Amino acid sequence: MASDVVFDPSIVGPLAGTISALLAANAERGTPAVVACTVRNERTLDMFEKQLGERGLLSEVADKDGSVRIYEITRP
């Protein structure tokens, strides 16, 4: 679980890589990653979603409340 960590475009790739590694290490459990983000810049969130997809991860917006977006991220 992480909160307010998607705000700087330069860390989006490493963050997605870290999430991917953690999900791979716990694949047998099937536990999702949950990331809550304050919407500051739509482009940065788009980059985050793209980086997750490039790593083969599925991201679903579990909750979207104007200024906050909560992602549930899984490995298929």
PDB file of N, CA and C in Angstrom:
ATOM      1  N   MET A   1       0.856  -1.160   0.000  1.00  0.00           N
ATOM      2  CA  MET A   1       0.000   0.000   0.000  1.00  0.00           C
ATOM      3  C   MET A   1       0.907   1.229   0.000  1.00  0.00           C
ATOM      4  N   ALA A   2       0.546   2.190  -0.828  1.00  0.00           N
ATOM      5  CA  ALA A   2       1.302   3.437  -0.903  1.00  0.00           C
ATOM      6  C   ALA A   2       0.325   4.590  -1.075  1.00  0.00           C
ATOM      7  N   SER A   3       0.743   5.744  -0.619  1.00  0.00           N
ATOM      8  CA  SER A   3      -0.113   6.919  -0.719  1.00  0.00           C
ATOM      9  C   SER A   3       0.698   8.110  -1.201  1.00  0.00           C
ATOM     10  N   ASP A   4       0.146   8.805  -2.176  1.00  0.00           N
ATOM     11  CA  ASP A   4       0.711  10.048  -2.686  1.00  0.00           C
ATOM     12  C   ASP A   4       2.163   9.896  -3.124  1.00  0.00           C
ATOM     13  N   VAL A   5       2.442   8.855  -3.925  1.00  0.00           N
ATOM     14  CA  VAL A   5       3.797   8.603  -4.409  1.00  0.00           C
ATOM     15  C   VAL A   5       3.956   8.827  -5.910  1.00  0.00           C
ATOM     16  N   VAL A   6       2.875   9.171  -6.598  1.00  0.00           N
ATOM     17  CA  VAL A   6       2.944   9.385  -8.048  1.00  0.00           C
ATOM     18  C   VAL A   6       2.775  10.879  -8.310  1.00  0.00           C
ATOM     19  N   PHE A   7       3.883  11.601  -8.232  1.00  0.00           N
ATOM     20  CA  PHE A   7       3.798  13.051  -8.439  1.00  0.00           C
ATOM     21  C   PHE A   7       4.947  13.582  -9.268  1.00  0.00           C
ATOM     22  N   ASP A   8       6.041  12.827  -9.341  1.00  0.00           N
ATOM     23  CA  ASP A   8       7.227  13.263 -10.068  1.00  0.00           C
ATOM     24  C   ASP A   8       7.458  12.309 -11.237  1.00  0.00           C
ATOM     25  N   PRO A   9       7.393  12.801 -12.471  1.00  0.00           N
ATOM     26  CA  PRO A   9       7.561  11.919 -13.630  1.00  0.00           C
ATOM     27  C   PRO A   9       8.866  11.117 -13.616  1.00  0.00           C
ATOM     28  N   SER A  10       9.914  11.646 -12.989  1.00  0.00           N
ATOM     29  CA  SER A  10      11.198  10.944 -12.995  1.00  0.00           C
ATOM     30  C   SER A  10      11.190   9.679 -12.133  1.00  0.00           C
ATOM     31  N   ILE A  11      10.222   9.512 -11.247  1.00  0.00           N
ATOM     32  CA  ILE A  11      10.181   8.306 -10.407  1.00  0.00           C
ATOM     33  C   ILE A  11       9.108   7.310 -10.828  1.00  0.00           C
ATOM     34  N   VAL A  12       8.332   7.650 -11.844  1.00  0.00           N
ATOM     35  CA  VAL A  12       7.228   6.780 -12.263  1.00  0.00           C
ATOM     36  C   VAL A  12       7.741   5.415 -12.728  1.00  0.00           C
ATOM     37  N   GLY A  13       8.777   5.387 -13.556  1.00  0.00           N
ATOM     38  CA  GLY A  13       9.332   4.117 -14.034  1.00  0.00           C
ATOM     39  C   GLY A  13       9.879   3.265 -12.900  1.00  0.00           C
ATOM     40  N   PRO A  14      10.749   3.804 -12.054  1.00  0.00           N
ATOM     41  CA  PRO A  14      11.248   3.015 -10.927  1.00  0.00           C
ATOM     42  C   PRO A  14      10.145   2.556  -9.971  1.00  0.00           C
ATOM     43  N   LEU A  15       9.140   3.389  -9.762  1.00  0.00           N
ATOM     44  CA  LEU A  15       8.025   2.998  -8.891  1.00  0.00           C
ATOM     45  C   LEU A  15       7.281   1.807  -9.492  1.00  0.00           C
ATOM     46  N   ALA A  16       6.982   1.874 -10.785  1.00  0.00           N
ATOM     47  CA  ALA A  16       6.298   0.760 -11.455  1.00  0.00           C
ATOM     48  C   ALA A  16       7.147  -0.501 -11.392  1.00  0.00           C
ATOM     49  N   GLY A  17       8.465  -0.352 -11.553  1.00  0.00           N
ATOM     50  CA  GLY A  17       9.358  -1.503 -11.456  1.00  0.00           C
ATOM     51  C   GLY A  17       9.352  -2.121 -10.067  1.00  0.00           C
ATOM     52  N   THR A  18       9.335  -1.295  -9.057  1.00  0.00           N
ATOM     53  CA  THR A  18       9.298  -1.782  -7.674  1.00  0.00           C
ATOM     54  C   THR A  18       7.990  -2.512  -7.391  1.00  0.00           C
ATOM     55  N   ILE A  19       6.877  -1.932  -7.844  1.00  0.00           N
ATOM     56  CA  ILE A  19       5.584  -2.593  -7.658  1.00  0.00           C
ATOM     57  C   ILE A  19       5.568  -3.940  -8.363  1.00  0.00           C
ATOM     58  N   SER A  20       6.097  -3.983  -9.583  1.00  0.00           N
ATOM     59  CA  SER A  20       6.157  -5.235 -10.338  1.00  0.00           C
ATOM     60  C   SER A  20       6.971  -6.287  -9.594  1.00  0.00           C
ATOM     61  N   ALA A  21       8.129  -5.898  -9.073  1.00  0.00           N
ATOM     62  CA  ALA A  21       8.981  -6.844  -8.345  1.00  0.00           C
ATOM     63  C   ALA A  21       8.291  -7.364  -7.084  1.00  0.00           C
ATOM     64  N   LEU A  22       7.618  -6.493  -6.361  1.00  0.00           N
ATOM     65  CA  LEU A  22       6.922  -6.916  -5.142  1.00  0.00           C
ATOM     66  C   LEU A  22       5.768  -7.869  -5.455  1.00  0.00           C
ATOM     67  N   LEU A  23       5.034  -7.567  -6.524  1.00  0.00           N
ATOM     68  CA  LEU A  23       3.935  -8.458  -6.895  1.00  0.00           C
ATOM     69  C   LEU A  23       4.464  -9.809  -7.372  1.00  0.00           C
ATOM     70  N   ALA A  24       5.581  -9.806  -8.088  1.00  0.00           N
ATOM     71  CA  ALA A  24       6.176 -11.066  -8.552  1.00  0.00           C
ATOM     72  C   ALA A  24       6.652 -11.900  -7.367  1.00  0.00           C
ATOM     73  N   ALA A  25       7.245 -11.247  -6.380  1.00  0.00           N
ATOM     74  CA  ALA A  25       7.755 -11.962  -5.210  1.00  0.00           C
ATOM     75  C   ALA A  25       6.637 -12.568  -4.376  1.00  0.00           C
ATOM     76  N   ASN A  26       5.449 -12.028  -4.488  1.00  0.00           N
ATOM     77  CA  ASN A  26       4.306 -12.518  -3.710  1.00  0.00           C
ATOM     78  C   ASN A  26       3.204 -13.069  -4.610  1.00  0.00           C
ATOM     79  N   ALA A  27       3.585 -13.551  -5.792  1.00  0.00           N
ATOM     80  CA  ALA A  27       2.608 -14.005  -6.785  1.00  0.00           C
ATOM     81  C   ALA A  27       1.702 -15.115  -6.264  1.00  0.00           C
ATOM     82  N   GLU A  28       2.245 -16.008  -5.440  1.00  0.00           N
ATOM     83  CA  GLU A  28       1.433 -17.129  -4.950  1.00  0.00           C
ATOM     84  C   GLU A  28       0.289 -16.668  -4.059  1.00  0.00           C
ATOM     85  N   ARG A  29       0.423 -15.519  -3.469  1.00  0.00           N
ATOM     86  CA  ARG A  29      -0.641 -14.988  -2.608  1.00  0.00           C
ATOM     87  C   ARG A  29      -1.722 -14.266  -3.402  1.00  0.00           C
ATOM     88  N   GLY A  30      -1.349 -13.694  -4.543  1.00  0.00           N
ATOM     89  CA  GLY A  30      -2.310 -12.957  -5.355  1.00  0.00           C
ATOM     90  C   GLY A  30      -2.747 -11.641  -4.732  1.00  0.00           C
ATOM     91  N   THR A  31      -1.947 -11.138  -3.822  1.00  0.00           N
ATOM     92  CA  THR A  31      -2.285  -9.886  -3.144  1.00  0.00           C
ATOM     93  C   THR A  31      -2.044  -8.705  -4.074  1.00  0.00           C
ATOM     94  N   PRO A  32      -3.002  -7.804  -4.204  1.00  0.00           N
ATOM     95  CA  PRO A  32      -2.795  -6.640  -5.062  1.00  0.00           C
ATOM     96  C   PRO A  32      -1.981  -5.557  -4.355  1.00  0.00           C
ATOM     97  N   ALA A  33      -1.433  -4.667  -5.151  1.00  0.00           N
ATOM     98  CA  ALA A  33      -0.837  -3.443  -4.621  1.00  0.00           C
ATOM     99  C   ALA A  33      -1.926  -2.380  -4.664  1.00  0.00           C
ATOM    100  N   VAL A  34      -1.974  -1.536  -3.669  1.00  0.00           N
ATOM    101  CA  VAL A  34      -2.953  -0.452  -3.624  1.00  0.00           C
ATOM    102  C   VAL A  34      -2.183   0.861  -3.526  1.00  0.00           C
ATOM    103  N   VAL A  35      -2.462   1.749  -4.468  1.00  0.00           N
ATOM    104  CA  VAL A  35      -1.773   3.043  -4.512  1.00  0.00           C
ATOM    105  C   VAL A  35      -2.823   4.145  -4.575  1.00  0.00           C
ATOM    106  N   ALA A  36      -2.781   5.052  -3.621  1.00  0.00           N
ATOM    107  CA  ALA A  36      -3.684   6.204  -3.599  1.00  0.00           C
ATOM    108  C   ALA A  36      -2.903   7.431  -4.042  1.00  0.00           C
ATOM    109  N   CYS A  37      -3.467   8.183  -4.969  1.00  0.00           N
ATOM    110  CA  CYS A  37      -2.767   9.336  -5.544  1.00  0.00           C
ATOM    111  C   CYS A  37      -3.636  10.580  -5.497  1.00  0.00           C
ATOM    112  N   THR A  38      -3.019  11.675  -5.136  1.00  0.00           N
ATOM    113  CA  THR A  38      -3.657  12.968  -5.318  1.00  0.00           C
ATOM    114  C   THR A  38      -3.457  13.346  -6.782  1.00  0.00           C
ATOM    115  N   VAL A  39      -4.516  13.722  -7.447  1.00  0.00           N
ATOM    116  CA  VAL A  39      -4.422  14.076  -8.866  1.00  0.00           C
ATOM    117  C   VAL A  39      -3.856  15.484  -8.967  1.00  0.00           C
ATOM    118  N   ARG A  40      -2.583  15.547  -9.359  1.00  0.00           N
ATOM    119  CA  ARG A  40      -1.927  16.840  -9.558  1.00  0.00           C
ATOM    120  C   ARG A  40      -1.740  17.112 -11.041  1.00  0.00           C
ATOM    121  N   ASN A  41      -1.352  16.047 -11.758  1.00  0.00           N
ATOM    122  CA  ASN A  41      -1.055  16.179 -13.169  1.00  0.00           C
ATOM    123  C   ASN A  41      -1.513  14.901 -13.869  1.00  0.00           C
ATOM    124  N   GLU A  42      -2.509  15.021 -14.728  1.00  0.00           N
ATOM    125  CA  GLU A  42      -3.058  13.849 -15.434  1.00  0.00           C
ATOM    126  C   GLU A  42      -1.982  13.144 -16.263  1.00  0.00           C
ATOM    127  N   ARG A  43      -1.062  13.900 -16.829  1.00  0.00           N
ATOM    128  CA  ARG A  43      -0.009  13.287 -17.656  1.00  0.00           C
ATOM    129  C   ARG A  43       0.861  12.347 -16.828  1.00  0.00           C
ATOM    130  N   THR A  44       1.169  12.742 -15.616  1.00  0.00           N
ATOM    131  CA  THR A  44       1.982  11.885 -14.749  1.00  0.00           C
ATOM    132  C   THR A  44       1.237  10.596 -14.425  1.00  0.00           C
ATOM    133  N   LEU A  45      -0.056  10.691 -14.153  1.00  0.00           N
ATOM    134  CA  LEU A  45      -0.844   9.483 -13.881  1.00  0.00           C
ATOM    135  C   LEU A  45      -0.957   8.617 -15.128  1.00  0.00           C
ATOM    136  N   ASP A  46      -1.084   9.241 -16.293  1.00  0.00           N
ATOM    137  CA  ASP A  46      -1.101   8.482 -17.545  1.00  0.00           C
ATOM    138  C   ASP A  46       0.217   7.732 -17.732  1.00  0.00           C
ATOM    139  N   MET A  47       1.330   8.398 -17.426  1.00  0.00           N
ATOM    140  CA  MET A  47       2.646   7.754 -17.506  1.00  0.00           C
ATOM    141  C   MET A  47       2.725   6.564 -16.555  1.00  0.00           C
ATOM    142  N   PHE A  48       2.205   6.734 -15.358  1.00  0.00           N
ATOM    143  CA  PHE A  48       2.199   5.666 -14.364  1.00  0.00           C
ATOM    144  C   PHE A  48       1.424   4.459 -14.887  1.00  0.00           C
ATOM    145  N   GLU A  49       0.229   4.697 -15.411  1.00  0.00           N
ATOM    146  CA  GLU A  49      -0.586   3.608 -15.946  1.00  0.00           C
ATOM    147  C   GLU A  49       0.124   2.917 -17.110  1.00  0.00           C
ATOM    148  N   LYS A  50       0.762   3.696 -17.971  1.00  0.00           N
ATOM    149  CA  LYS A  50       1.489   3.130 -19.118  1.00  0.00           C
ATOM    150  C   LYS A  50       2.659   2.269 -18.640  1.00  0.00           C
ATOM    151  N   GLN A  51       3.413   2.766 -17.665  1.00  0.00           N
ATOM    152  CA  GLN A  51       4.553   2.014 -17.132  1.00  0.00           C
ATOM    153  C   GLN A  51       4.099   0.696 -16.499  1.00  0.00           C
ATOM    154  N   LEU A  52       2.981   0.721 -15.813  1.00  0.00           N
ATOM    155  CA  LEU A  52       2.447  -0.517 -15.232  1.00  0.00           C
ATOM    156  C   LEU A  52       2.109  -1.507 -16.342  1.00  0.00           C
ATOM    157  N   GLY A  53       1.423  -1.026 -17.367  1.00  0.00           N
ATOM    158  CA  GLY A  53       1.053  -1.878 -18.491  1.00  0.00           C
ATOM    159  C   GLY A  53       2.255  -2.465 -19.203  1.00  0.00           C
ATOM    160  N   GLU A  54       3.317  -1.672 -19.363  1.00  0.00           N
ATOM    161  CA  GLU A  54       4.529  -2.160 -20.019  1.00  0.00           C
ATOM    162  C   GLU A  54       5.205  -3.260 -19.222  1.00  0.00           C
ATOM    163  N   ARG A  55       4.919  -3.336 -17.949  1.00  0.00           N
ATOM    164  CA  ARG A  55       5.476  -4.386 -17.098  1.00  0.00           C
ATOM    165  C   ARG A  55       4.508  -5.560 -16.937  1.00  0.00           C
ATOM    166  N   GLY A  56       3.431  -5.540 -17.721  1.00  0.00           N
ATOM    167  CA  GLY A  56       2.473  -6.638 -17.693  1.00  0.00           C
ATOM    168  C   GLY A  56       1.527  -6.610 -16.510  1.00  0.00           C
ATOM    169  N   LEU A  57       1.398  -5.456 -15.874  1.00  0.00           N
ATOM    170  CA  LEU A  57       0.511  -5.343 -14.719  1.00  0.00           C
ATOM    171  C   LEU A  57      -0.835  -4.769 -15.137  1.00  0.00           C
ATOM    172  N   LEU A  58      -1.853  -5.163 -14.433  1.00  0.00           N
ATOM    173  CA  LEU A  58      -3.194  -4.626 -14.646  1.00  0.00           C
ATOM    174  C   LEU A  58      -3.478  -3.608 -13.561  1.00  0.00           C
ATOM    175  N   SER A  59      -3.994  -2.465 -13.969  1.00  0.00           N
ATOM    176  CA  SER A  59      -4.359  -1.457 -12.965  1.00  0.00           C
ATOM    177  C   SER A  59      -5.815  -1.090 -13.162  1.00  0.00           C
ATOM    178  N   GLU A  60      -6.506  -1.082 -12.063  1.00  0.00           N
ATOM    179  CA  GLU A  60      -7.920  -0.710 -12.066  1.00  0.00           C
ATOM    180  C   GLU A  60      -8.093   0.440 -11.087  1.00  0.00           C
ATOM    181  N   VAL A  61      -8.822   1.443 -11.529  1.00  0.00           N
ATOM    182  CA  VAL A  61      -9.105   2.550 -10.621  1.00  0.00           C
ATOM    183  C   VAL A  61     -10.248   2.091  -9.728  1.00  0.00           C
ATOM    184  N   ALA A  62      -9.915   1.801  -8.476  1.00  0.00           N
ATOM    185  CA  ALA A  62     -10.890   1.288  -7.523  1.00  0.00           C
ATOM    186  C   ALA A  62     -11.796   2.393  -6.996  1.00  0.00           C
ATOM    187  N   ASP A  63     -11.273   3.608  -6.973  1.00  0.00           N
ATOM    188  CA  ASP A  63     -12.057   4.743  -6.496  1.00  0.00           C
ATOM    189  C   ASP A  63     -11.500   6.004  -7.133  1.00  0.00           C
ATOM    190  N   LYS A  64     -12.387   6.853  -7.551  1.00  0.00           N
ATOM    191  CA  LYS A  64     -11.991   8.102  -8.202  1.00  0.00           C
ATOM    192  C   LYS A  64     -12.869   9.202  -7.630  1.00  0.00           C
ATOM    193  N   ASP A  65     -12.252  10.061  -6.862  1.00  0.00           N
ATOM    194  CA  ASP A  65     -12.999  11.109  -6.182  1.00  0.00           C
ATOM    195  C   ASP A  65     -12.396  12.470  -6.519  1.00  0.00           C
ATOM    196  N   GLY A  66     -12.516  12.896  -7.750  1.00  0.00           N
ATOM    197  CA  GLY A  66     -12.021  14.200  -8.161  1.00  0.00           C
ATOM    198  C   GLY A  66     -10.544  14.405  -7.958  1.00  0.00           C
ATOM    199  N   SER A  67     -10.123  14.685  -6.740  1.00  0.00           N
ATOM    200  CA  SER A  67      -8.722  14.992  -6.486  1.00  0.00           C
ATOM    201  C   SER A  67      -7.909  13.785  -6.015  1.00  0.00           C
ATOM    202  N   VAL A  68      -8.575  12.637  -5.829  1.00  0.00           N
ATOM    203  CA  VAL A  68      -7.881  11.431  -5.373  1.00  0.00           C
ATOM    204  C   VAL A  68      -8.256  10.260  -6.271  1.00  0.00           C
ATOM    205  N   ARG A  69      -7.257   9.459  -6.596  1.00  0.00           N
ATOM    206  CA  ARG A  69      -7.477   8.248  -7.388  1.00  0.00           C
ATOM    207  C   ARG A  69      -6.822   7.085  -6.656  1.00  0.00           C
ATOM    208  N   ILE A  70      -7.565   5.998  -6.473  1.00  0.00           N
ATOM    209  CA  ILE A  70      -7.031   4.814  -5.800  1.00  0.00           C
ATOM    210  C   ILE A  70      -6.936   3.674  -6.816  1.00  0.00           C
ATOM    211  N   TYR A  71      -5.713   3.186  -7.007  1.00  0.00           N
ATOM    212  CA  TYR A  71      -5.449   2.104  -7.955  1.00  0.00           C
ATOM    213  C   TYR A  71      -5.317   0.785  -7.217  1.00  0.00           C
ATOM    214  N   GLU A  72      -5.882  -0.268  -7.818  1.00  0.00           N
ATOM    215  CA  GLU A  72      -5.621  -1.642  -7.383  1.00  0.00           C
ATOM    216  C   GLU A  72      -4.824  -2.265  -8.518  1.00  0.00           C
ATOM    217  N   ILE A  73      -3.617  -2.712  -8.215  1.00  0.00           N
ATOM    218  CA  ILE A  73      -2.690  -3.201  -9.239  1.00  0.00           C
ATOM    219  C   ILE A  73      -2.436  -4.679  -8.994  1.00  0.00           C
ATOM    220  N   THR A  74      -2.579  -5.474 -10.076  1.00  0.00           N
ATOM    221  CA  THR A  74      -2.399  -6.921  -9.961  1.00  0.00           C
ATOM    222  C   THR A  74      -1.546  -7.429 -11.107  1.00  0.00           C
ATOM    223  N   ARG A  75      -1.085  -8.640 -10.925  1.00  0.00           N
ATOM    224  CA  ARG A  75      -0.358  -9.376 -11.948  1.00  0.00           C
ATOM    225  C   ARG A  75      -1.346 -10.414 -12.491  1.00  0.00           C
ATOM    226  N   PRO A  76      -1.553 -10.433 -13.819  1.00  0.00           N
ATOM    227  CA  PRO A  76      -2.535 -11.390 -14.372  1.00  0.00           C
ATOM    228  C   PRO A  76      -2.129 -12.850 -14.184  1.00  0.00           C
TER     229      PRO A  76
END
